[in-house]
Amino acid sequence: TFRQRTRDEWVAVFAGSDACVSPVLTMEEAARHPHLAA
């Protein structure tokens, strides 16, 4: 199932839910993530 969409598409699917699904980010991506940036 996960191979059917991109990582960011799955992030959008689970946005706002308590499914405990998160992207595996690079360290550079982590610095720009909205939560860590905020």
PDB file of all heavy atoms in Angstrom:
ATOM      1  N   THR A   1       0.828  -1.210   0.000  1.00  0.00           N
ATOM      2  CA  THR A   1       0.000   0.000   0.000  1.00  0.00           C
ATOM      3  C   THR A   1       0.860   1.257   0.000  1.00  0.00           C
ATOM      4  O   THR A   1       0.609   2.201  -0.765  1.00  0.00           O
ATOM      5  CB  THR A   1      -0.939  -0.001   1.212  1.00  0.00           C
ATOM      6  OG1 THR A   1      -1.727  -1.195   1.210  1.00  0.00           O
ATOM      7  CG2 THR A   1      -1.851   1.214   1.189  1.00  0.00           C
ATOM      8  N   PHE A   2       1.879   1.295   0.813  1.00  0.00           N
ATOM      9  CA  PHE A   2       2.715   2.504   0.893  1.00  0.00           C
ATOM     10  C   PHE A   2       3.465   2.764  -0.412  1.00  0.00           C
ATOM     11  O   PHE A   2       3.782   3.909  -0.725  1.00  0.00           O
ATOM     12  CB  PHE A   2       3.711   2.396   2.055  1.00  0.00           C
ATOM     13  CG  PHE A   2       3.144   2.862   3.368  1.00  0.00           C
ATOM     14  CD1 PHE A   2       2.965   1.974   4.419  1.00  0.00           C
ATOM     15  CD2 PHE A   2       2.788   4.182   3.556  1.00  0.00           C
ATOM     16  CE1 PHE A   2       2.431   2.396   5.634  1.00  0.00           C
ATOM     17  CE2 PHE A   2       2.263   4.629   4.759  1.00  0.00           C
ATOM     18  CZ  PHE A   2       2.081   3.722   5.807  1.00  0.00           C
ATOM     19  N   ARG A   3       3.724   1.743  -1.184  1.00  0.00           N
ATOM     20  CA  ARG A   3       4.441   1.924  -2.442  1.00  0.00           C
ATOM     21  C   ARG A   3       3.571   2.543  -3.532  1.00  0.00           C
ATOM     22  O   ARG A   3       4.053   2.829  -4.629  1.00  0.00           O
ATOM     23  CB  ARG A   3       4.981   0.578  -2.925  1.00  0.00           C
ATOM     24  CG  ARG A   3       6.216   0.125  -2.154  1.00  0.00           C
ATOM     25  CD  ARG A   3       6.678  -1.234  -2.591  1.00  0.00           C
ATOM     26  NE  ARG A   3       7.912  -1.624  -1.910  1.00  0.00           N
ATOM     27  CZ  ARG A   3       8.400  -2.855  -1.873  1.00  0.00           C
ATOM     28  NH1 ARG A   3       7.742  -3.838  -2.494  1.00  0.00           N
ATOM     29  NH2 ARG A   3       9.516  -3.122  -1.239  1.00  0.00           N
ATOM     30  N   GLN A   4       2.327   2.791  -3.227  1.00  0.00           N
ATOM     31  CA  GLN A   4       1.422   3.342  -4.229  1.00  0.00           C
ATOM     32  C   GLN A   4       1.433   4.866  -4.278  1.00  0.00           C
ATOM     33  O   GLN A   4       0.906   5.468  -5.221  1.00  0.00           O
ATOM     34  CB  GLN A   4      -0.004   2.848  -3.967  1.00  0.00           C
ATOM     35  CG  GLN A   4      -0.160   1.341  -4.130  1.00  0.00           C
ATOM     36  CD  GLN A   4      -1.529   0.845  -3.701  1.00  0.00           C
ATOM     37  OE1 GLN A   4      -2.436   1.644  -3.436  1.00  0.00           O
ATOM     38  NE2 GLN A   4      -1.692  -0.478  -3.630  1.00  0.00           N
ATOM     39  N   ARG A   5       2.011   5.523  -3.271  1.00  0.00           N
ATOM     40  CA  ARG A   5       2.069   6.984  -3.252  1.00  0.00           C
ATOM     41  C   ARG A   5       3.451   7.430  -2.771  1.00  0.00           C
ATOM     42  O   ARG A   5       4.190   6.661  -2.151  1.00  0.00           O
ATOM     43  CB  ARG A   5       0.995   7.573  -2.330  1.00  0.00           C
ATOM     44  CG  ARG A   5      -0.427   7.215  -2.714  1.00  0.00           C
ATOM     45  CD  ARG A   5      -1.414   7.980  -1.868  1.00  0.00           C
ATOM     46  NE  ARG A   5      -2.785   7.545  -2.101  1.00  0.00           N
ATOM     47  CZ  ARG A   5      -3.867   8.142  -1.595  1.00  0.00           C
ATOM     48  NH1 ARG A   5      -3.716   9.189  -0.796  1.00  0.00           N
ATOM     49  NH2 ARG A   5      -5.074   7.688  -1.866  1.00  0.00           N
ATOM     50  N   THR A   6       3.762   8.711  -3.024  1.00  0.00           N
ATOM     51  CA  THR A   6       5.031   9.263  -2.556  1.00  0.00           C
ATOM     52  C   THR A   6       4.958   9.555  -1.062  1.00  0.00           C
ATOM     53  O   THR A   6       3.878   9.579  -0.463  1.00  0.00           O
ATOM     54  CB  THR A   6       5.377  10.563  -3.295  1.00  0.00           C
ATOM     55  OG1 THR A   6       4.418  11.568  -2.927  1.00  0.00           O
ATOM     56  CG2 THR A   6       5.356  10.363  -4.800  1.00  0.00           C
ATOM     57  N   ARG A   7       6.120   9.788  -0.496  1.00  0.00           N
ATOM     58  CA  ARG A   7       6.161  10.111   0.934  1.00  0.00           C
ATOM     59  C   ARG A   7       5.296  11.320   1.265  1.00  0.00           C
ATOM     60  O   ARG A   7       4.487  11.290   2.208  1.00  0.00           O
ATOM     61  CB  ARG A   7       7.610  10.402   1.355  1.00  0.00           C
ATOM     62  CG  ARG A   7       7.773  10.709   2.839  1.00  0.00           C
ATOM     63  CD  ARG A   7       9.131  11.309   3.147  1.00  0.00           C
ATOM     64  NE  ARG A   7       9.248  12.660   2.599  1.00  0.00           N
ATOM     65  CZ  ARG A   7      10.351  13.399   2.689  1.00  0.00           C
ATOM     66  NH1 ARG A   7      11.435  12.910   3.258  1.00  0.00           N
ATOM     67  NH2 ARG A   7      10.383  14.619   2.178  1.00  0.00           N
ATOM     68  N   ASP A   8       5.452  12.394   0.519  1.00  0.00           N
ATOM     69  CA  ASP A   8       4.713  13.609   0.838  1.00  0.00           C
ATOM     70  C   ASP A   8       3.220  13.452   0.594  1.00  0.00           C
ATOM     71  O   ASP A   8       2.397  14.101   1.264  1.00  0.00           O
ATOM     72  CB  ASP A   8       5.266  14.791   0.040  1.00  0.00           C
ATOM     73  CG  ASP A   8       6.675  15.166   0.494  1.00  0.00           C
ATOM     74  OD1 ASP A   8       7.093  14.714   1.580  1.00  0.00           O
ATOM     75  OD2 ASP A   8       7.362  15.901  -0.242  1.00  0.00           O
ATOM     76  N   GLU A   9       2.841  12.603  -0.353  1.00  0.00           N
ATOM     77  CA  GLU A   9       1.417  12.325  -0.546  1.00  0.00           C
ATOM     78  C   GLU A   9       0.856  11.601   0.670  1.00  0.00           C
ATOM     79  O   GLU A   9      -0.265  11.903   1.121  1.00  0.00           O
ATOM     80  CB  GLU A   9       1.215  11.484  -1.810  1.00  0.00           C
ATOM     81  CG  GLU A   9       1.419  12.284  -3.099  1.00  0.00           C
ATOM     82  CD  GLU A   9       1.369  11.408  -4.336  1.00  0.00           C
ATOM     83  OE1 GLU A   9       1.607  10.179  -4.234  1.00  0.00           O
ATOM     84  OE2 GLU A   9       1.110  11.956  -5.432  1.00  0.00           O
ATOM     85  N   TRP A  10       1.627  10.681   1.244  1.00  0.00           N
ATOM     86  CA  TRP A  10       1.160  10.004   2.454  1.00  0.00           C
ATOM     87  C   TRP A  10       1.120  10.965   3.648  1.00  0.00           C
ATOM     88  O   TRP A  10       0.215  10.879   4.487  1.00  0.00           O
ATOM     89  CB  TRP A  10       2.053   8.809   2.779  1.00  0.00           C
ATOM     90  CG  TRP A  10       1.785   7.618   1.912  1.00  0.00           C
ATOM     91  CD1 TRP A  10       2.641   7.014   1.052  1.00  0.00           C
ATOM     92  CD2 TRP A  10       0.554   6.886   1.836  1.00  0.00           C
ATOM     93  NE1 TRP A  10       2.037   5.958   0.429  1.00  0.00           N
ATOM     94  CE2 TRP A  10       0.742   5.855   0.893  1.00  0.00           C
ATOM     95  CE3 TRP A  10      -0.695   7.009   2.457  1.00  0.00           C
ATOM     96  CZ2 TRP A  10      -0.260   4.940   0.568  1.00  0.00           C
ATOM     97  CZ3 TRP A  10      -1.700   6.104   2.129  1.00  0.00           C
ATOM     98  CH2 TRP A  10      -1.481   5.093   1.200  1.00  0.00           C
ATOM     99  N   VAL A  11       2.066  11.870   3.699  1.00  0.00           N
ATOM    100  CA  VAL A  11       2.033  12.879   4.763  1.00  0.00           C
ATOM    101  C   VAL A  11       0.746  13.682   4.680  1.00  0.00           C
ATOM    102  O   VAL A  11       0.100  13.976   5.702  1.00  0.00           O
ATOM    103  CB  VAL A  11       3.266  13.804   4.665  1.00  0.00           C
ATOM    104  CG1 VAL A  11       3.102  15.016   5.582  1.00  0.00           C
ATOM    105  CG2 VAL A  11       4.538  13.043   5.018  1.00  0.00           C
ATOM    106  N   ALA A  12       0.342  14.039   3.475  1.00  0.00           N
ATOM    107  CA  ALA A  12      -0.899  14.793   3.299  1.00  0.00           C
ATOM    108  C   ALA A  12      -2.111  13.956   3.708  1.00  0.00           C
ATOM    109  O   ALA A  12      -3.066  14.463   4.319  1.00  0.00           O
ATOM    110  CB  ALA A  12      -1.034  15.243   1.846  1.00  0.00           C
ATOM    111  N   VAL A  13      -2.091  12.668   3.405  1.00  0.00           N
ATOM    112  CA  VAL A  13      -3.199  11.783   3.783  1.00  0.00           C
ATOM    113  C   VAL A  13      -3.382  11.753   5.290  1.00  0.00           C
ATOM    114  O   VAL A  13      -4.509  11.810   5.809  1.00  0.00           O
ATOM    115  CB  VAL A  13      -2.958  10.361   3.238  1.00  0.00           C
ATOM    116  CG1 VAL A  13      -3.934   9.367   3.884  1.00  0.00           C
ATOM    117  CG2 VAL A  13      -3.099  10.338   1.714  1.00  0.00           C
ATOM    118  N   PHE A  14      -2.276  11.671   6.026  1.00  0.00           N
ATOM    119  CA  PHE A  14      -2.362  11.503   7.476  1.00  0.00           C
ATOM    120  C   PHE A  14      -2.283  12.819   8.250  1.00  0.00           C
ATOM    121  O   PHE A  14      -2.273  12.807   9.491  1.00  0.00           O
ATOM    122  CB  PHE A  14      -1.242  10.571   7.948  1.00  0.00           C
ATOM    123  CG  PHE A  14      -1.473   9.136   7.565  1.00  0.00           C
ATOM    124  CD1 PHE A  14      -0.775   8.553   6.510  1.00  0.00           C
ATOM    125  CD2 PHE A  14      -2.401   8.359   8.251  1.00  0.00           C
ATOM    126  CE1 PHE A  14      -0.998   7.226   6.145  1.00  0.00           C
ATOM    127  CE2 PHE A  14      -2.624   7.032   7.904  1.00  0.00           C
ATOM    128  CZ  PHE A  14      -1.926   6.461   6.847  1.00  0.00           C
ATOM    129  N   ALA A  15      -2.241  13.935   7.546  1.00  0.00           N
ATOM    130  CA  ALA A  15      -2.187  15.228   8.221  1.00  0.00           C
ATOM    131  C   ALA A  15      -3.423  15.412   9.103  1.00  0.00           C
ATOM    132  O   ALA A  15      -4.551  15.165   8.670  1.00  0.00           O
ATOM    133  CB  ALA A  15      -2.102  16.348   7.191  1.00  0.00           C
ATOM    134  N   GLY A  16      -3.223  15.815  10.330  1.00  0.00           N
ATOM    135  CA  GLY A  16      -4.337  16.067  11.239  1.00  0.00           C
ATOM    136  C   GLY A  16      -4.879  14.851  11.930  1.00  0.00           C
ATOM    137  O   GLY A  16      -5.836  14.952  12.701  1.00  0.00           O
ATOM    138  N   SER A  17      -4.319  13.670  11.663  1.00  0.00           N
ATOM    139  CA  SER A  17      -4.824  12.452  12.302  1.00  0.00           C
ATOM    140  C   SER A  17      -3.882  12.012  13.420  1.00  0.00           C
ATOM    141  O   SER A  17      -2.754  12.488  13.542  1.00  0.00           O
ATOM    142  CB  SER A  17      -4.953  11.327  11.271  1.00  0.00           C
ATOM    143  OG  SER A  17      -3.709  10.694  11.051  1.00  0.00           O
ATOM    144  N   ASP A  18      -4.359  11.089  14.231  1.00  0.00           N
ATOM    145  CA  ASP A  18      -3.544  10.488  15.291  1.00  0.00           C
ATOM    146  C   ASP A  18      -3.080   9.086  14.894  1.00  0.00           C
ATOM    147  O   ASP A  18      -2.923   8.208  15.735  1.00  0.00           O
ATOM    148  CB  ASP A  18      -4.341  10.405  16.599  1.00  0.00           C
ATOM    149  CG  ASP A  18      -4.373  11.732  17.332  1.00  0.00           C
ATOM    150  OD1 ASP A  18      -3.487  12.567  17.086  1.00  0.00           O
ATOM    151  OD2 ASP A  18      -5.290  11.937  18.143  1.00  0.00           O
ATOM    152  N   ALA A  19      -2.831   8.893  13.610  1.00  0.00           N
ATOM    153  CA  ALA A  19      -2.396   7.586  13.133  1.00  0.00           C
ATOM    154  C   ALA A  19      -0.926   7.316  13.440  1.00  0.00           C
ATOM    155  O   ALA A  19      -0.448   6.203  13.244  1.00  0.00           O
ATOM    156  CB  ALA A  19      -2.618   7.480  11.625  1.00  0.00           C
ATOM    157  N   CYS A  20      -0.209   8.344  13.929  1.00  0.00           N
ATOM    158  CA  CYS A  20       1.213   8.215  14.272  1.00  0.00           C
ATOM    159  C   CYS A  20       2.048   7.821  13.053  1.00  0.00           C
ATOM    160  O   CYS A  20       2.868   6.899  13.100  1.00  0.00           O
ATOM    161  CB  CYS A  20       1.412   7.207  15.400  1.00  0.00           C
ATOM    162  SG  CYS A  20       0.539   7.627  16.916  1.00  0.00           S
ATOM    163  N   VAL A  21       1.814   8.540  11.960  1.00  0.00           N
ATOM    164  CA  VAL A  21       2.593   8.372  10.742  1.00  0.00           C
ATOM    165  C   VAL A  21       3.331   9.682  10.479  1.00  0.00           C
ATOM    166  O   VAL A  21       2.716  10.760  10.500  1.00  0.00           O
ATOM    167  CB  VAL A  21       1.694   8.027   9.536  1.00  0.00           C
ATOM    168  CG1 VAL A  21       2.520   7.957   8.259  1.00  0.00           C
ATOM    169  CG2 VAL A  21       0.966   6.709   9.778  1.00  0.00           C
ATOM    170  N   SER A  22       4.631   9.591  10.251  1.00  0.00           N
ATOM    171  CA  SER A  22       5.432  10.787  10.023  1.00  0.00           C
ATOM    172  C   SER A  22       6.462  10.519   8.936  1.00  0.00           C
ATOM    173  O   SER A  22       6.860   9.382   8.703  1.00  0.00           O
ATOM    174  CB  SER A  22       6.141  11.211  11.319  1.00  0.00           C
ATOM    175  OG  SER A  22       6.957  10.152  11.796  1.00  0.00           O
ATOM    176  N   PRO A  23       6.911  11.577   8.250  1.00  0.00           N
ATOM    177  CA  PRO A  23       7.924  11.387   7.209  1.00  0.00           C
ATOM    178  C   PRO A  23       9.295  11.130   7.829  1.00  0.00           C
ATOM    179  O   PRO A  23       9.616  11.642   8.905  1.00  0.00           O
ATOM    180  CB  PRO A  23       7.902  12.729   6.469  1.00  0.00           C
ATOM    181  CG  PRO A  23       7.470  13.719   7.511  1.00  0.00           C
ATOM    182  CD  PRO A  23       6.482  12.984   8.381  1.00  0.00           C
ATOM    183  N   VAL A  24      10.094  10.330   7.162  1.00  0.00           N
ATOM    184  CA  VAL A  24      11.484  10.138   7.565  1.00  0.00           C
ATOM    185  C   VAL A  24      12.291  11.197   6.817  1.00  0.00           C
ATOM    186  O   VAL A  24      12.525  11.088   5.614  1.00  0.00           O
ATOM    187  CB  VAL A  24      11.981   8.722   7.218  1.00  0.00           C
ATOM    188  CG1 VAL A  24      13.459   8.573   7.566  1.00  0.00           C
ATOM    189  CG2 VAL A  24      11.153   7.684   7.961  1.00  0.00           C
ATOM    190  N   LEU A  25      12.705  12.233   7.541  1.00  0.00           N
ATOM    191  CA  LEU A  25      13.312  13.406   6.922  1.00  0.00           C
ATOM    192  C   LEU A  25      14.833  13.355   6.974  1.00  0.00           C
ATOM    193  O   LEU A  25      15.420  12.721   7.862  1.00  0.00           O
ATOM    194  CB  LEU A  25      12.843  14.674   7.650  1.00  0.00           C
ATOM    195  CG  LEU A  25      11.337  14.930   7.698  1.00  0.00           C
ATOM    196  CD1 LEU A  25      11.047  16.181   8.510  1.00  0.00           C
ATOM    197  CD2 LEU A  25      10.758  15.052   6.289  1.00  0.00           C
ATOM    198  N   THR A  26      15.453  14.042   6.040  1.00  0.00           N
ATOM    199  CA  THR A  26      16.874  14.311   6.162  1.00  0.00           C
ATOM    200  C   THR A  26      17.063  15.383   7.229  1.00  0.00           C
ATOM    201  O   THR A  26      16.105  16.046   7.650  1.00  0.00           O
ATOM    202  CB  THR A  26      17.468  14.818   4.841  1.00  0.00           C
ATOM    203  OG1 THR A  26      16.921  16.120   4.556  1.00  0.00           O
ATOM    204  CG2 THR A  26      17.154  13.862   3.695  1.00  0.00           C
ATOM    205  N   MET A  27      18.288  15.585   7.674  1.00  0.00           N
ATOM    206  CA  MET A  27      18.524  16.617   8.685  1.00  0.00           C
ATOM    207  C   MET A  27      18.229  18.008   8.152  1.00  0.00           C
ATOM    208  O   MET A  27      17.718  18.867   8.880  1.00  0.00           O
ATOM    209  CB  MET A  27      19.962  16.516   9.194  1.00  0.00           C
ATOM    210  CG  MET A  27      20.252  15.217   9.926  1.00  0.00           C
ATOM    211  SD  MET A  27      21.946  15.126  10.536  1.00  0.00           S
ATOM    212  CE  MET A  27      22.045  13.351  10.910  1.00  0.00           C
ATOM    213  N   GLU A  28      18.516  18.242   6.882  1.00  0.00           N
ATOM    214  CA  GLU A  28      18.192  19.537   6.288  1.00  0.00           C
ATOM    215  C   GLU A  28      16.688  19.728   6.191  1.00  0.00           C
ATOM    216  O   GLU A  28      16.171  20.826   6.442  1.00  0.00           O
ATOM    217  CB  GLU A  28      18.842  19.664   4.910  1.00  0.00           C
ATOM    218  CG  GLU A  28      20.361  19.781   4.957  1.00  0.00           C
ATOM    219  CD  GLU A  28      20.948  20.040   3.589  1.00  0.00           C
ATOM    220  OE1 GLU A  28      20.168  20.090   2.600  1.00  0.00           O
ATOM    221  OE2 GLU A  28      22.181  20.187   3.498  1.00  0.00           O
ATOM    222  N   GLU A  29      15.964  18.669   5.824  1.00  0.00           N
ATOM    223  CA  GLU A  29      14.506  18.766   5.759  1.00  0.00           C
ATOM    224  C   GLU A  29      13.933  19.004   7.145  1.00  0.00           C
ATOM    225  O   GLU A  29      12.952  19.752   7.307  1.00  0.00           O
ATOM    226  CB  GLU A  29      13.915  17.479   5.176  1.00  0.00           C
ATOM    227  CG  GLU A  29      14.127  17.302   3.686  1.00  0.00           C
ATOM    228  CD  GLU A  29      13.590  15.967   3.196  1.00  0.00           C
ATOM    229  OE1 GLU A  29      13.762  14.942   3.896  1.00  0.00           O
ATOM    230  OE2 GLU A  29      12.988  15.946   2.101  1.00  0.00           O
ATOM    231  N   ALA A  30      14.518  18.377   8.157  1.00  0.00           N
ATOM    232  CA  ALA A  30      14.015  18.538   9.521  1.00  0.00           C
ATOM    233  C   ALA A  30      14.050  19.998   9.953  1.00  0.00           C
ATOM    234  O   ALA A  30      13.121  20.490  10.600  1.00  0.00           O
ATOM    235  CB  ALA A  30      14.841  17.680  10.483  1.00  0.00           C
ATOM    236  N   ALA A  31      15.102  20.707   9.588  1.00  0.00           N
ATOM    237  CA  ALA A  31      15.220  22.109   9.984  1.00  0.00           C
ATOM    238  C   ALA A  31      14.128  22.974   9.376  1.00  0.00           C
ATOM    239  O   ALA A  31      13.781  24.022   9.923  1.00  0.00           O
ATOM    240  CB  ALA A  31      16.597  22.640   9.585  1.00  0.00           C
ATOM    241  N   ARG A  32      13.570  22.512   8.239  1.00  0.00           N
ATOM    242  CA  ARG A  32      12.524  23.299   7.569  1.00  0.00           C
ATOM    243  C   ARG A  32      11.122  22.796   7.869  1.00  0.00           C
ATOM    244  O   ARG A  32      10.146  23.380   7.384  1.00  0.00           O
ATOM    245  CB  ARG A  32      12.771  23.270   6.054  1.00  0.00           C
ATOM    246  CG  ARG A  32      14.090  23.895   5.617  1.00  0.00           C
ATOM    247  CD  ARG A  32      14.146  24.064   4.104  1.00  0.00           C
ATOM    248  NE  ARG A  32      14.095  22.782   3.414  1.00  0.00           N
ATOM    249  CZ  ARG A  32      15.164  22.068   3.084  1.00  0.00           C
ATOM    250  NH1 ARG A  32      16.367  22.511   3.398  1.00  0.00           N
ATOM    251  NH2 ARG A  32      15.038  20.910   2.437  1.00  0.00           N
ATOM    252  N   HIS A  33      10.993  21.728   8.642  1.00  0.00           N
ATOM    253  CA  HIS A  33       9.659  21.204   8.922  1.00  0.00           C
ATOM    254  C   HIS A  33       8.859  22.241   9.715  1.00  0.00           C
ATOM    255  O   HIS A  33       9.385  22.874  10.638  1.00  0.00           O
ATOM    256  CB  HIS A  33       9.752  19.906   9.720  1.00  0.00           C
ATOM    257  CG  HIS A  33       8.428  19.227   9.883  1.00  0.00           C
ATOM    258  ND1 HIS A  33       7.557  19.541  10.902  1.00  0.00           N
ATOM    259  CD2 HIS A  33       7.817  18.265   9.148  1.00  0.00           C
ATOM    260  CE1 HIS A  33       6.471  18.800  10.798  1.00  0.00           C
ATOM    261  NE2 HIS A  33       6.602  18.023   9.738  1.00  0.00           N
ATOM    262  N   PRO A  34       7.581  22.430   9.392  1.00  0.00           N
ATOM    263  CA  PRO A  34       6.788  23.491  10.043  1.00  0.00           C
ATOM    264  C   PRO A  34       6.788  23.417  11.571  1.00  0.00           C
ATOM    265  O   PRO A  34       6.827  24.461  12.235  1.00  0.00           O
ATOM    266  CB  PRO A  34       5.384  23.277   9.465  1.00  0.00           C
ATOM    267  CG  PRO A  34       5.622  22.640   8.136  1.00  0.00           C
ATOM    268  CD  PRO A  34       6.824  21.763   8.315  1.00  0.00           C
ATOM    269  N   HIS A  35       6.717  22.206  12.116  1.00  0.00           N
ATOM    270  CA  HIS A  35       6.670  22.111  13.580  1.00  0.00           C
ATOM    271  C   HIS A  35       8.000  22.521  14.203  1.00  0.00           C
ATOM    272  O   HIS A  35       8.036  23.348  15.124  1.00  0.00           O
ATOM    273  CB  HIS A  35       6.312  20.691  14.010  1.00  0.00           C
ATOM    274  CG  HIS A  35       6.199  20.546  15.500  1.00  0.00           C
ATOM    275  ND1 HIS A  35       5.092  20.960  16.196  1.00  0.00           N
ATOM    276  CD2 HIS A  35       7.072  20.055  16.424  1.00  0.00           C
ATOM    277  CE1 HIS A  35       5.276  20.726  17.481  1.00  0.00           C
ATOM    278  NE2 HIS A  35       6.475  20.180  17.654  1.00  0.00           N
ATOM    279  N   LEU A  36       9.097  21.958  13.702  1.00  0.00           N
ATOM    280  CA  LEU A  36      10.399  22.310  14.271  1.00  0.00           C
ATOM    281  C   LEU A  36      10.750  23.762  13.996  1.00  0.00           C
ATOM    282  O   LEU A  36      11.384  24.431  14.821  1.00  0.00           O
ATOM    283  CB  LEU A  36      11.482  21.385  13.711  1.00  0.00           C
ATOM    284  CG  LEU A  36      11.313  19.888  13.967  1.00  0.00           C
ATOM    285  CD1 LEU A  36      12.580  19.138  13.559  1.00  0.00           C
ATOM    286  CD2 LEU A  36      10.987  19.605  15.426  1.00  0.00           C
ATOM    287  N   ALA A  37      10.322  24.260  12.834  1.00  0.00           N
ATOM    288  CA  ALA A  37      10.569  25.664  12.508  1.00  0.00           C
ATOM    289  C   ALA A  37       9.798  26.584  13.446  1.00  0.00           C
ATOM    290  O   ALA A  37      10.319  27.613  13.902  1.00  0.00           O
ATOM    291  CB  ALA A  37      10.194  25.943  11.054  1.00  0.00           C
ATOM    292  N   ALA A  38       8.553  26.228  13.752  1.00  0.00           N
ATOM    293  CA  ALA A  38       7.747  27.054  14.652  1.00  0.00           C
ATOM    294  C   ALA A  38       8.353  27.099  16.051  1.00  0.00           C
ATOM    295  O   ALA A  38       8.309  28.135  16.728  1.00  0.00           O
ATOM    296  CB  ALA A  38       6.317  26.514  14.710  1.00  0.00           C
TER     297      ALA A  38
END
